[in-house]
Amino acid sequence: MKHSPAFLRLVEDAKARVREISIDETRKKLESGSARVIDVREESEWAAGHIRGAEYMGRGVLERDIEQRVPDRNAELILYCGGGFRSALSADNLQKMGYTNVASMAGGWREWKETGGAVDR
């Protein structure tokens, strides 16, 4: 997908403030149970397949629902989307809301699948 220049500038601005985490580190944290992995893609994307063990909270409702679903603002949260752009924007917003341990998974769903990560459908 070709993204517009303005969107890419917005993402780069968010990435300057957001910690990115690798696929391998995400796997380790998911397996150990030390982090919650949250899929911020569209519901249709989630339904087509997602990371095994992830929770769904689409970007459209994330900011509205996060405080009720994850009241602990220090909980480790790893967000992912298709390629790491929407998750970076989402992580930036959660940090603005006071969440202190948020990361965006670099490479997103596409890289997770390419590297053989466990998936559910």
PDB file of N, CA and C in Angstrom:
ATOM      1  N   MET A   1       0.847  -1.179   0.000  1.00  0.00           N
ATOM      2  CA  MET A   1       0.000   0.000   0.000  1.00  0.00           C
ATOM      3  C   MET A   1       0.891   1.240   0.000  1.00  0.00           C
ATOM      4  N   LYS A   2       0.534   2.186  -0.857  1.00  0.00           N
ATOM      5  CA  LYS A   2       1.286   3.438  -0.920  1.00  0.00           C
ATOM      6  C   LYS A   2       0.590   4.460  -0.026  1.00  0.00           C
ATOM      7  N   HIS A   3       1.337   4.959   0.940  1.00  0.00           N
ATOM      8  CA  HIS A   3       0.782   5.920   1.888  1.00  0.00           C
ATOM      9  C   HIS A   3       1.080   7.348   1.436  1.00  0.00           C
ATOM     10  N   SER A   4       0.197   8.248   1.793  1.00  0.00           N
ATOM     11  CA  SER A   4       0.376   9.647   1.421  1.00  0.00           C
ATOM     12  C   SER A   4       1.530  10.261   2.212  1.00  0.00           C
ATOM     13  N   PRO A   5       2.179  11.269   1.657  1.00  0.00           N
ATOM     14  CA  PRO A   5       3.280  11.929   2.357  1.00  0.00           C
ATOM     15  C   PRO A   5       2.854  12.520   3.701  1.00  0.00           C
ATOM     16  N   ALA A   6       1.670  13.098   3.778  1.00  0.00           N
ATOM     17  CA  ALA A   6       1.215  13.698   5.038  1.00  0.00           C
ATOM     18  C   ALA A   6       1.029  12.625   6.109  1.00  0.00           C
ATOM     19  N   PHE A   7       0.477  11.471   5.724  1.00  0.00           N
ATOM     20  CA  PHE A   7       0.314  10.365   6.671  1.00  0.00           C
ATOM     21  C   PHE A   7       1.676   9.890   7.157  1.00  0.00           C
ATOM     22  N   LEU A   8       2.617   9.734   6.250  1.00  0.00           N
ATOM     23  CA  LEU A   8       3.957   9.273   6.628  1.00  0.00           C
ATOM     24  C   LEU A   8       4.642  10.262   7.574  1.00  0.00           C
ATOM     25  N   ARG A   9       4.449  11.556   7.359  1.00  0.00           N
ATOM     26  CA  ARG A   9       5.014  12.559   8.277  1.00  0.00           C
ATOM     27  C   ARG A   9       4.391  12.420   9.665  1.00  0.00           C
ATOM     28  N   LEU A  10       3.094  12.202   9.703  1.00  0.00           N
ATOM     29  CA  LEU A  10       2.392  12.008  10.970  1.00  0.00           C
ATOM     30  C   LEU A  10       2.933  10.788  11.711  1.00  0.00           C
ATOM     31  N   VAL A  11       3.135   9.702  10.995  1.00  0.00           N
ATOM     32  CA  VAL A  11       3.668   8.476  11.597  1.00  0.00           C
ATOM     33  C   VAL A  11       5.090   8.699  12.097  1.00  0.00           C
ATOM     34  N   GLU A  12       5.915   9.329  11.298  1.00  0.00           N
ATOM     35  CA  GLU A  12       7.303   9.576  11.714  1.00  0.00           C
ATOM     36  C   GLU A  12       7.351  10.451  12.963  1.00  0.00           C
ATOM     37  N   ASP A  13       6.465  11.424  13.049  1.00  0.00           N
ATOM     38  CA  ASP A  13       6.384  12.266  14.235  1.00  0.00           C
ATOM     39  C   ASP A  13       6.035  11.415  15.457  1.00  0.00           C
ATOM     40  N   ALA A  14       5.060  10.536  15.327  1.00  0.00           N
ATOM     41  CA  ALA A  14       4.677   9.654  16.442  1.00  0.00           C
ATOM     42  C   ALA A  14       5.816   8.716  16.807  1.00  0.00           C
ATOM     43  N   LYS A  15       6.483   8.148  15.803  1.00  0.00           N
ATOM     44  CA  LYS A  15       7.574   7.197  16.060  1.00  0.00           C
ATOM     45  C   LYS A  15       8.735   7.845  16.805  1.00  0.00           C
ATOM     46  N   ALA A  16       8.867   9.151  16.699  1.00  0.00           N
ATOM     47  CA  ALA A  16       9.925   9.851  17.428  1.00  0.00           C
ATOM     48  C   ALA A  16       9.693   9.781  18.943  1.00  0.00           C
ATOM     49  N   ARG A  17       8.459   9.541  19.349  1.00  0.00           N
ATOM     50  CA  ARG A  17       8.109   9.485  20.778  1.00  0.00           C
ATOM     51  C   ARG A  17       7.778   8.080  21.271  1.00  0.00           C
ATOM     52  N   VAL A  18       7.649   7.131  20.362  1.00  0.00           N
ATOM     53  CA  VAL A  18       7.172   5.793  20.705  1.00  0.00           C
ATOM     54  C   VAL A  18       8.305   4.782  20.636  1.00  0.00           C
ATOM     55  N   ARG A  19       8.300   3.884  21.592  1.00  0.00           N
ATOM     56  CA  ARG A  19       9.271   2.777  21.583  1.00  0.00           C
ATOM     57  C   ARG A  19       8.763   1.695  20.638  1.00  0.00           C
ATOM     58  N   GLU A  20       9.639   1.244  19.749  1.00  0.00           N
ATOM     59  CA  GLU A  20       9.294   0.125  18.885  1.00  0.00           C
ATOM     60  C   GLU A  20       9.951  -1.136  19.433  1.00  0.00           C
ATOM     61  N   ILE A  21       9.248  -2.241  19.283  1.00  0.00           N
ATOM     62  CA  ILE A  21       9.728  -3.517  19.793  1.00  0.00           C
ATOM     63  C   ILE A  21       9.758  -4.509  18.635  1.00  0.00           C
ATOM     64  N   SER A  22      10.735  -5.375  18.628  1.00  0.00           N
ATOM     65  CA  SER A  22      10.897  -6.324  17.524  1.00  0.00           C
ATOM     66  C   SER A  22       9.880  -7.466  17.617  1.00  0.00           C
ATOM     67  N   ILE A  23       9.747  -8.171  16.527  1.00  0.00           N
ATOM     68  CA  ILE A  23       8.891  -9.366  16.483  1.00  0.00           C
ATOM     69  C   ILE A  23       9.377 -10.382  17.509  1.00  0.00           C
ATOM     70  N   ASP A  24      10.682 -10.631  17.549  1.00  0.00           N
ATOM     71  CA  ASP A  24      11.231 -11.630  18.482  1.00  0.00           C
ATOM     72  C   ASP A  24      10.967 -11.246  19.936  1.00  0.00           C
ATOM     73  N   GLU A  25      11.154  -9.992  20.267  1.00  0.00           N
ATOM     74  CA  GLU A  25      10.913  -9.554  21.638  1.00  0.00           C
ATOM     75  C   GLU A  25       9.423  -9.652  21.980  1.00  0.00           C
ATOM     76  N   THR A  26       8.580  -9.333  21.021  1.00  0.00           N
ATOM     77  CA  THR A  26       7.131  -9.472  21.234  1.00  0.00           C
ATOM     78  C   THR A  26       6.786 -10.925  21.521  1.00  0.00           C
ATOM     79  N   ARG A  27       7.338 -11.844  20.723  1.00  0.00           N
ATOM     80  CA  ARG A  27       7.087 -13.281  20.943  1.00  0.00           C
ATOM     81  C   ARG A  27       7.450 -13.681  22.368  1.00  0.00           C
ATOM     82  N   LYS A  28       8.635 -13.270  22.803  1.00  0.00           N
ATOM     83  CA  LYS A  28       9.109 -13.637  24.144  1.00  0.00           C
ATOM     84  C   LYS A  28       8.178 -13.096  25.223  1.00  0.00           C
ATOM     85  N   LYS A  29       7.776 -11.863  25.077  1.00  0.00           N
ATOM     86  CA  LYS A  29       6.906 -11.244  26.085  1.00  0.00           C
ATOM     87  C   LYS A  29       5.507 -11.866  26.076  1.00  0.00           C
ATOM     88  N   LEU A  30       5.022 -12.223  24.913  1.00  0.00           N
ATOM     89  CA  LEU A  30       3.724 -12.877  24.813  1.00  0.00           C
ATOM     90  C   LEU A  30       3.780 -14.268  25.447  1.00  0.00           C
ATOM     91  N   GLU A  31       4.835 -15.014  25.137  1.00  0.00           N
ATOM     92  CA  GLU A  31       4.990 -16.363  25.690  1.00  0.00           C
ATOM     93  C   GLU A  31       5.155 -16.348  27.208  1.00  0.00           C
ATOM     94  N   SER A  32       5.844 -15.358  27.738  1.00  0.00           N
ATOM     95  CA  SER A  32       6.069 -15.282  29.181  1.00  0.00           C
ATOM     96  C   SER A  32       4.875 -14.675  29.923  1.00  0.00           C
ATOM     97  N   GLY A  33       3.975 -14.056  29.176  1.00  0.00           N
ATOM     98  CA  GLY A  33       2.824 -13.410  29.793  1.00  0.00           C
ATOM     99  C   GLY A  33       3.153 -12.076  30.428  1.00  0.00           C
ATOM    100  N   SER A  34       4.303 -11.510  30.091  1.00  0.00           N
ATOM    101  CA  SER A  34       4.718 -10.249  30.716  1.00  0.00           C
ATOM    102  C   SER A  34       4.125  -9.016  30.041  1.00  0.00           C
ATOM    103  N   ALA A  35       3.483  -9.205  28.888  1.00  0.00           N
ATOM    104  CA  ALA A  35       2.892  -8.065  28.179  1.00  0.00           C
ATOM    105  C   ALA A  35       1.571  -8.481  27.555  1.00  0.00           C
ATOM    106  N   ARG A  36       0.713  -7.505  27.397  1.00  0.00           N
ATOM    107  CA  ARG A  36      -0.534  -7.704  26.664  1.00  0.00           C
ATOM    108  C   ARG A  36      -0.308  -7.203  25.245  1.00  0.00           C
ATOM    109  N   VAL A  37      -0.649  -8.023  24.272  1.00  0.00           N
ATOM    110  CA  VAL A  37      -0.495  -7.662  22.871  1.00  0.00           C
ATOM    111  C   VAL A  37      -1.878  -7.293  22.342  1.00  0.00           C
ATOM    112  N   ILE A  38      -1.973  -6.098  21.782  1.00  0.00           N
ATOM    113  CA  ILE A  38      -3.260  -5.563  21.345  1.00  0.00           C
ATOM    114  C   ILE A  38      -3.221  -5.260  19.849  1.00  0.00           C
ATOM    115  N   ASP A  39      -4.163  -5.837  19.137  1.00  0.00           N
ATOM    116  CA  ASP A  39      -4.330  -5.632  17.698  1.00  0.00           C
ATOM    117  C   ASP A  39      -5.213  -4.408  17.500  1.00  0.00           C
ATOM    118  N   VAL A  40      -4.686  -3.388  16.828  1.00  0.00           N
ATOM    119  CA  VAL A  40      -5.440  -2.145  16.624  1.00  0.00           C
ATOM    120  C   VAL A  40      -5.961  -2.011  15.190  1.00  0.00           C
ATOM    121  N   ARG A  41      -5.908  -3.102  14.423  1.00  0.00           N
ATOM    122  CA  ARG A  41      -6.382  -3.056  13.037  1.00  0.00           C
ATOM    123  C   ARG A  41      -7.914  -3.005  12.991  1.00  0.00           C
ATOM    124  N   GLU A  42      -8.451  -2.966  11.803  1.00  0.00           N
ATOM    125  CA  GLU A  42      -9.896  -2.997  11.603  1.00  0.00           C
ATOM    126  C   GLU A  42     -10.438  -4.375  11.979  1.00  0.00           C
ATOM    127  N   GLU A  43     -11.700  -4.421  12.345  1.00  0.00           N
ATOM    128  CA  GLU A  43     -12.316  -5.684  12.761  1.00  0.00           C
ATOM    129  C   GLU A  43     -12.238  -6.751  11.665  1.00  0.00           C
ATOM    130  N   SER A  44     -12.386  -6.366  10.414  1.00  0.00           N
ATOM    131  CA  SER A  44     -12.298  -7.330   9.312  1.00  0.00           C
ATOM    132  C   SER A  44     -10.893  -7.915   9.201  1.00  0.00           C
ATOM    133  N   GLU A  45      -9.879  -7.117   9.501  1.00  0.00           N
ATOM    134  CA  GLU A  45      -8.495  -7.620   9.479  1.00  0.00           C
ATOM    135  C   GLU A  45      -8.297  -8.629  10.600  1.00  0.00           C
ATOM    136  N   TRP A  46      -8.797  -8.301  11.795  1.00  0.00           N
ATOM    137  CA  TRP A  46      -8.714  -9.207  12.947  1.00  0.00           C
ATOM    138  C   TRP A  46      -9.389 -10.540  12.618  1.00  0.00           C
ATOM    139  N   ALA A  47     -10.587 -10.472  12.038  1.00  0.00           N
ATOM    140  CA  ALA A  47     -11.347 -11.681  11.729  1.00  0.00           C
ATOM    141  C   ALA A  47     -10.629 -12.570  10.715  1.00  0.00           C
ATOM    142  N   ALA A  48      -9.859 -11.961   9.822  1.00  0.00           N
ATOM    143  CA  ALA A  48      -9.132 -12.731   8.808  1.00  0.00           C
ATOM    144  C   ALA A  48      -7.912 -13.436   9.384  1.00  0.00           C
ATOM    145  N   GLY A  49      -7.443 -13.021  10.542  1.00  0.00           N
ATOM    146  CA  GLY A  49      -6.298 -13.635  11.194  1.00  0.00           C
ATOM    147  C   GLY A  49      -5.592 -12.648  12.094  1.00  0.00           C
ATOM    148  N   HIS A  50      -5.061 -13.178  13.204  1.00  0.00           N
ATOM    149  CA  HIS A  50      -4.391 -12.311  14.174  1.00  0.00           C
ATOM    150  C   HIS A  50      -3.375 -13.125  14.977  1.00  0.00           C
ATOM    151  N   ILE A  51      -2.544 -12.419  15.714  1.00  0.00           N
ATOM    152  CA  ILE A  51      -1.525 -13.059  16.545  1.00  0.00           C
ATOM    153  C   ILE A  51      -2.215 -13.874  17.634  1.00  0.00           C
ATOM    154  N   ARG A  52      -1.790 -15.128  17.751  1.00  0.00           N
ATOM    155  CA  ARG A  52      -2.345 -15.991  18.798  1.00  0.00           C
ATOM    156  C   ARG A  52      -2.038 -15.383  20.168  1.00  0.00           C
ATOM    157  N   GLY A  53      -3.078 -15.206  20.966  1.00  0.00           N
ATOM    158  CA  GLY A  53      -2.918 -14.634  22.300  1.00  0.00           C
ATOM    159  C   GLY A  53      -3.143 -13.135  22.362  1.00  0.00           C
ATOM    160  N   ALA A  54      -3.331 -12.506  21.195  1.00  0.00           N
ATOM    161  CA  ALA A  54      -3.563 -11.057  21.173  1.00  0.00           C
ATOM    162  C   ALA A  54      -5.005 -10.743  21.552  1.00  0.00           C
ATOM    163  N   GLU A  55      -5.228  -9.502  21.930  1.00  0.00           N
ATOM    164  CA  GLU A  55      -6.555  -8.981  22.214  1.00  0.00           C
ATOM    165  C   GLU A  55      -6.909  -7.999  21.110  1.00  0.00           C
ATOM    166  N   TYR A  56      -8.187  -7.891  20.814  1.00  0.00           N
ATOM    167  CA  TYR A  56      -8.613  -6.935  19.797  1.00  0.00           C
ATOM    168  C   TYR A  56      -9.167  -5.667  20.440  1.00  0.00           C
ATOM    169  N   MET A  57      -8.641  -4.545  20.012  1.00  0.00           N
ATOM    170  CA  MET A  57      -9.181  -3.250  20.395  1.00  0.00           C
ATOM    171  C   MET A  57      -8.829  -2.294  19.252  1.00  0.00           C
ATOM    172  N   GLY A  58      -9.702  -2.213  18.284  1.00  0.00           N
ATOM    173  CA  GLY A  58      -9.449  -1.433  17.077  1.00  0.00           C
ATOM    174  C   GLY A  58      -9.091   0.012  17.359  1.00  0.00           C
ATOM    175  N   ARG A  59      -8.328   0.569  16.467  1.00  0.00           N
ATOM    176  CA  ARG A  59      -7.859   1.944  16.621  1.00  0.00           C
ATOM    177  C   ARG A  59      -9.010   2.929  16.763  1.00  0.00           C
ATOM    178  N   GLY A  60     -10.143   2.619  16.186  1.00  0.00           N
ATOM    179  CA  GLY A  60     -11.283   3.510  16.267  1.00  0.00           C
ATOM    180  C   GLY A  60     -11.900   3.623  17.648  1.00  0.00           C
ATOM    181  N   VAL A  61     -11.651   2.626  18.504  1.00  0.00           N
ATOM    182  CA  VAL A  61     -12.236   2.644  19.853  1.00  0.00           C
ATOM    183  C   VAL A  61     -11.185   2.514  20.953  1.00  0.00           C
ATOM    184  N   LEU A  62      -9.947   2.389  20.581  1.00  0.00           N
ATOM    185  CA  LEU A  62      -8.868   2.158  21.557  1.00  0.00           C
ATOM    186  C   LEU A  62      -8.857   3.200  22.665  1.00  0.00           C
ATOM    187  N   GLU A  63      -8.794   4.460  22.288  1.00  0.00           N
ATOM    188  CA  GLU A  63      -8.704   5.518  23.293  1.00  0.00           C
ATOM    189  C   GLU A  63      -9.963   5.577  24.157  1.00  0.00           C
ATOM    190  N   ARG A  64     -11.097   5.251  23.571  1.00  0.00           N
ATOM    191  CA  ARG A  64     -12.349   5.263  24.318  1.00  0.00           C
ATOM    192  C   ARG A  64     -12.413   4.123  25.338  1.00  0.00           C
ATOM    193  N   ASP A  65     -11.904   2.943  24.977  1.00  0.00           N
ATOM    194  CA  ASP A  65     -12.093   1.730  25.780  1.00  0.00           C
ATOM    195  C   ASP A  65     -10.904   1.330  26.647  1.00  0.00           C
ATOM    196  N   ILE A  66      -9.736   1.876  26.399  1.00  0.00           N
ATOM    197  CA  ILE A  66      -8.526   1.383  27.059  1.00  0.00           C
ATOM    198  C   ILE A  66      -8.594   1.493  28.581  1.00  0.00           C
ATOM    199  N   GLU A  67      -9.097   2.578  29.116  1.00  0.00           N
ATOM    200  CA  GLU A  67      -9.086   2.760  30.572  1.00  0.00           C
ATOM    201  C   GLU A  67      -9.940   1.719  31.280  1.00  0.00           C
ATOM    202  N   GLN A  68     -11.013   1.302  30.655  1.00  0.00           N
ATOM    203  CA  GLN A  68     -11.862   0.274  31.257  1.00  0.00           C
ATOM    204  C   GLN A  68     -11.227  -1.107  31.112  1.00  0.00           C
ATOM    205  N   ARG A  69     -10.647  -1.390  29.962  1.00  0.00           N
ATOM    206  CA  ARG A  69     -10.068  -2.718  29.717  1.00  0.00           C
ATOM    207  C   ARG A  69      -8.693  -2.891  30.344  1.00  0.00           C
ATOM    208  N   VAL A  70      -7.925  -1.797  30.433  1.00  0.00           N
ATOM    209  CA  VAL A  70      -6.579  -1.848  31.023  1.00  0.00           C
ATOM    210  C   VAL A  70      -6.443  -0.647  31.966  1.00  0.00           C
ATOM    211  N   PRO A  71      -6.972  -0.767  33.184  1.00  0.00           N
ATOM    212  CA  PRO A  71      -6.916   0.371  34.107  1.00  0.00           C
ATOM    213  C   PRO A  71      -5.504   0.664  34.624  1.00  0.00           C
ATOM    214  N   ASP A  72      -4.619  -0.327  34.608  1.00  0.00           N
ATOM    215  CA  ASP A  72      -3.252  -0.147  35.092  1.00  0.00           C
ATOM    216  C   ASP A  72      -2.426   0.587  34.040  1.00  0.00           C
ATOM    217  N   ARG A  73      -2.135   1.843  34.281  1.00  0.00           N
ATOM    218  CA  ARG A  73      -1.391   2.651  33.309  1.00  0.00           C
ATOM    219  C   ARG A  73       0.085   2.266  33.203  1.00  0.00           C
ATOM    220  N   ASN A  74       0.537   1.358  34.067  1.00  0.00           N
ATOM    221  CA  ASN A  74       1.910   0.868  33.993  1.00  0.00           C
ATOM    222  C   ASN A  74       2.005  -0.513  33.340  1.00  0.00           C
ATOM    223  N   ALA A  75       0.869  -1.088  32.961  1.00  0.00           N
ATOM    224  CA  ALA A  75       0.871  -2.407  32.315  1.00  0.00           C
ATOM    225  C   ALA A  75       1.658  -2.332  31.016  1.00  0.00           C
ATOM    226  N   GLU A  76       2.394  -3.399  30.731  1.00  0.00           N
ATOM    227  CA  GLU A  76       3.139  -3.428  29.475  1.00  0.00           C
ATOM    228  C   GLU A  76       2.191  -3.794  28.341  1.00  0.00           C
ATOM    229  N   LEU A  77       2.091  -2.888  27.377  1.00  0.00           N
ATOM    230  CA  LEU A  77       1.212  -3.060  26.232  1.00  0.00           C
ATOM    231  C   LEU A  77       2.035  -3.003  24.954  1.00  0.00           C
ATOM    232  N   ILE A  78       1.825  -3.981  24.082  1.00  0.00           N
ATOM    233  CA  ILE A  78       2.459  -3.987  22.769  1.00  0.00           C
ATOM    234  C   ILE A  78       1.338  -3.929  21.741  1.00  0.00           C
ATOM    235  N   LEU A  79       1.324  -2.869  20.958  1.00  0.00           N
ATOM    236  CA  LEU A  79       0.303  -2.678  19.940  1.00  0.00           C
ATOM    237  C   LEU A  79       0.844  -3.093  18.585  1.00  0.00           C
ATOM    238  N   TYR A  80      -0.044  -3.651  17.760  1.00  0.00           N
ATOM    239  CA  TYR A  80       0.379  -3.954  16.393  1.00  0.00           C
ATOM    240  C   TYR A  80      -0.759  -3.697  15.414  1.00  0.00           C
ATOM    241  N   CYS A  81      -0.358  -3.484  14.176  1.00  0.00           N
ATOM    242  CA  CYS A  81      -1.303  -3.283  13.079  1.00  0.00           C
ATOM    243  C   CYS A  81      -0.746  -4.034  11.875  1.00  0.00           C
ATOM    244  N   GLY A  82      -1.079  -3.615  10.676  1.00  0.00           N
ATOM    245  CA  GLY A  82      -0.606  -4.309   9.488  1.00  0.00           C
ATOM    246  C   GLY A  82       0.885  -4.175   9.253  1.00  0.00           C
ATOM    247  N   GLY A  83       1.436  -2.984   9.467  1.00  0.00           N
ATOM    248  CA  GLY A  83       2.843  -2.761   9.178  1.00  0.00           C
ATOM    249  C   GLY A  83       3.594  -1.914  10.180  1.00  0.00           C
ATOM    250  N   GLY A  84       2.924  -1.472  11.237  1.00  0.00           N
ATOM    251  CA  GLY A  84       3.599  -0.707  12.280  1.00  0.00           C
ATOM    252  C   GLY A  84       3.317   0.784  12.262  1.00  0.00           C
ATOM    253  N   PHE A  85       2.455   1.235  11.370  1.00  0.00           N
ATOM    254  CA  PHE A  85       2.161   2.665  11.300  1.00  0.00           C
ATOM    255  C   PHE A  85       1.004   3.044  12.227  1.00  0.00           C
ATOM    256  N   ARG A  86      -0.131   2.374  12.068  1.00  0.00           N
ATOM    257  CA  ARG A  86      -1.285   2.679  12.920  1.00  0.00           C
ATOM    258  C   ARG A  86      -0.981   2.377  14.382  1.00  0.00           C
ATOM    259  N   SER A  87      -0.177   1.342  14.625  1.00  0.00           N
ATOM    260  CA  SER A  87       0.168   1.015  16.019  1.00  0.00           C
ATOM    261  C   SER A  87       1.047   2.096  16.636  1.00  0.00           C
ATOM    262  N   ALA A  88       1.908   2.714  15.849  1.00  0.00           N
ATOM    263  CA  ALA A  88       2.732   3.811  16.366  1.00  0.00           C
ATOM    264  C   ALA A  88       1.850   5.008  16.721  1.00  0.00           C
ATOM    265  N   LEU A  89       0.896   5.330  15.865  1.00  0.00           N
ATOM    266  CA  LEU A  89      -0.032   6.425  16.158  1.00  0.00           C
ATOM    267  C   LEU A  89      -0.841   6.124  17.412  1.00  0.00           C
ATOM    268  N   SER A  90      -1.282   4.890  17.539  1.00  0.00           N
ATOM    269  CA  SER A  90      -2.070   4.482  18.710  1.00  0.00           C
ATOM    270  C   SER A  90      -1.236   4.525  19.981  1.00  0.00           C
ATOM    271  N   ALA A  91      -0.012   4.031  19.908  1.00  0.00           N
ATOM    272  CA  ALA A  91       0.867   4.041  21.082  1.00  0.00           C
ATOM    273  C   ALA A  91       1.147   5.471  21.534  1.00  0.00           C
ATOM    274  N   ASP A  92       1.333   6.355  20.585  1.00  0.00           N
ATOM    275  CA  ASP A  92       1.559   7.766  20.910  1.00  0.00           C
ATOM    276  C   ASP A  92       0.362   8.322  21.681  1.00  0.00           C
ATOM    277  N   ASN A  93      -0.834   8.016  21.230  1.00  0.00           N
ATOM    278  CA  ASN A  93      -2.034   8.498  21.924  1.00  0.00           C
ATOM    279  C   ASN A  93      -2.151   7.915  23.326  1.00  0.00           C
ATOM    280  N   LEU A  94      -1.854   6.634  23.491  1.00  0.00           N
ATOM    281  CA  LEU A  94      -1.932   6.035  24.830  1.00  0.00           C
ATOM    282  C   LEU A  94      -0.928   6.678  25.776  1.00  0.00           C
ATOM    283  N   GLN A  95       0.248   6.996  25.266  1.00  0.00           N
ATOM    284  CA  GLN A  95       1.232   7.688  26.106  1.00  0.00           C
ATOM    285  C   GLN A  95       0.700   9.054  26.524  1.00  0.00           C
ATOM    286  N   LYS A  96       0.037   9.748  25.620  1.00  0.00           N
ATOM    287  CA  LYS A  96      -0.557  11.046  25.948  1.00  0.00           C
ATOM    288  C   LYS A  96      -1.643  10.894  27.003  1.00  0.00           C
ATOM    289  N   MET A  97      -2.255   9.710  27.078  1.00  0.00           N
ATOM    290  CA  MET A  97      -3.296   9.428  28.064  1.00  0.00           C
ATOM    291  C   MET A  97      -2.719   8.961  29.398  1.00  0.00           C
ATOM    292  N   GLY A  98      -1.384   8.852  29.484  1.00  0.00           N
ATOM    293  CA  GLY A  98      -0.747   8.488  30.744  1.00  0.00           C
ATOM    294  C   GLY A  98      -0.250   7.065  30.843  1.00  0.00           C
ATOM    295  N   TYR A  99      -0.364   6.272  29.786  1.00  0.00           N
ATOM    296  CA  TYR A  99       0.177   4.907  29.807  1.00  0.00           C
ATOM    297  C   TYR A  99       1.688   5.000  29.625  1.00  0.00           C
ATOM    298  N   THR A 100       2.409   4.342  30.527  1.00  0.00           N
ATOM    299  CA  THR A 100       3.860   4.549  30.617  1.00  0.00           C
ATOM    300  C   THR A 100       4.702   3.437  30.009  1.00  0.00           C
ATOM    301  N   ASN A 101       4.092   2.313  29.647  1.00  0.00           N
ATOM    302  CA  ASN A 101       4.861   1.160  29.187  1.00  0.00           C
ATOM    303  C   ASN A 101       4.244   0.600  27.908  1.00  0.00           C
ATOM    304  N   VAL A 102       4.169   1.448  26.895  1.00  0.00           N
ATOM    305  CA  VAL A 102       3.534   1.096  25.624  1.00  0.00           C
ATOM    306  C   VAL A 102       4.594   1.009  24.539  1.00  0.00           C
ATOM    307  N   ALA A 103       4.438   0.026  23.653  1.00  0.00           N
ATOM    308  CA  ALA A 103       5.340  -0.109  22.513  1.00  0.00           C
ATOM    309  C   ALA A 103       4.530  -0.440  21.268  1.00  0.00           C
ATOM    310  N   SER A 104       5.119  -0.165  20.128  1.00  0.00           N
ATOM    311  CA  SER A 104       4.552  -0.520  18.836  1.00  0.00           C
ATOM    312  C   SER A 104       5.423  -1.619  18.247  1.00  0.00           C
ATOM    313  N   MET A 105       4.795  -2.702  17.780  1.00  0.00           N
ATOM    314  CA  MET A 105       5.568  -3.810  17.206  1.00  0.00           C
ATOM    315  C   MET A 105       6.009  -3.449  15.788  1.00  0.00           C
ATOM    316  N   ALA A 106       7.305  -3.331  15.607  1.00  0.00           N
ATOM    317  CA  ALA A 106       7.874  -3.001  14.303  1.00  0.00           C
ATOM    318  C   ALA A 106       7.557  -4.112  13.306  1.00  0.00           C
ATOM    319  N   GLY A 107       7.165  -3.730  12.115  1.00  0.00           N
ATOM    320  CA  GLY A 107       6.878  -4.710  11.072  1.00  0.00           C
ATOM    321  C   GLY A 107       5.445  -5.203  11.043  1.00  0.00           C
ATOM    322  N   GLY A 108       4.760  -5.120  12.179  1.00  0.00           N
ATOM    323  CA  GLY A 108       3.353  -5.454  12.253  1.00  0.00           C
ATOM    324  C   GLY A 108       2.990  -6.875  11.853  1.00  0.00           C
ATOM    325  N   TRP A 109       1.725  -7.035  11.545  1.00  0.00           N
ATOM    326  CA  TRP A 109       1.137  -8.333  11.200  1.00  0.00           C
ATOM    327  C   TRP A 109       1.846  -8.985  10.015  1.00  0.00           C
ATOM    328  N   ARG A 110       2.193  -8.187   9.009  1.00  0.00           N
ATOM    329  CA  ARG A 110       2.844  -8.760   7.824  1.00  0.00           C
ATOM    330  C   ARG A 110       4.153  -9.433   8.196  1.00  0.00           C
ATOM    331  N   GLU A 111       4.974  -8.767   8.986  1.00  0.00           N
ATOM    332  CA  GLU A 111       6.255  -9.361   9.367  1.00  0.00           C
ATOM    333  C   GLU A 111       6.054 -10.537  10.330  1.00  0.00           C
ATOM    334  N   TRP A 112       5.059 -10.449  11.212  1.00  0.00           N
ATOM    335  CA  TRP A 112       4.760 -11.554  12.129  1.00  0.00           C
ATOM    336  C   TRP A 112       4.491 -12.825  11.330  1.00  0.00           C
ATOM    337  N   LYS A 113       3.639 -12.720  10.308  1.00  0.00           N
ATOM    338  CA  LYS A 113       3.316 -13.892   9.479  1.00  0.00           C
ATOM    339  C   LYS A 113       4.540 -14.375   8.702  1.00  0.00           C
ATOM    340  N   GLU A 114       5.294 -13.437   8.140  1.00  0.00           N
ATOM    341  CA  GLU A 114       6.471 -13.797   7.340  1.00  0.00           C
ATOM    342  C   GLU A 114       7.511 -14.550   8.156  1.00  0.00           C
ATOM    343  N   THR A 115       7.574 -14.284   9.457  1.00  0.00           N
ATOM    344  CA  THR A 115       8.580 -14.931  10.300  1.00  0.00           C
ATOM    345  C   THR A 115       8.019 -16.162  11.018  1.00  0.00           C
ATOM    346  N   GLY A 116       6.824 -16.589  10.632  1.00  0.00           N
ATOM    347  CA  GLY A 116       6.265 -17.829  11.190  1.00  0.00           C
ATOM    348  C   GLY A 116       5.635 -17.707  12.551  1.00  0.00           C
ATOM    349  N   GLY A 117       5.197 -16.512  12.929  1.00  0.00           N
ATOM    350  CA  GLY A 117       4.539 -16.342  14.217  1.00  0.00           C
ATOM    351  C   GLY A 117       3.215 -17.090  14.278  1.00  0.00           C
ATOM    352  N   ALA A 118       2.846 -17.513  15.490  1.00  0.00           N
ATOM    353  CA  ALA A 118       1.603 -18.246  15.683  1.00  0.00           C
ATOM    354  C   ALA A 118       0.408 -17.334  15.430  1.00  0.00           C
ATOM    355  N   VAL A 119      -0.578 -17.854  14.673  1.00  0.00           N
ATOM    356  CA  VAL A 119      -1.756 -17.066  14.339  1.00  0.00           C
ATOM    357  C   VAL A 119      -3.035 -17.834  14.659  1.00  0.00           C
ATOM    358  N   ASP A 120      -4.085 -17.096  14.850  1.00  0.00           N
ATOM    359  CA  ASP A 120      -5.434 -17.632  14.996  1.00  0.00           C
ATOM    360  C   ASP A 120      -6.292 -17.016  13.917  1.00  0.00           C
ATOM    361  N   ARG A 121      -7.316 -17.729  13.524  1.00  0.00           N
ATOM    362  CA  ARG A 121      -8.269 -17.215  12.529  1.00  0.00           C
ATOM    363  C   ARG A 121      -9.653 -17.285  13.085  1.00  0.00           C
TER     364      ARG A 121
END
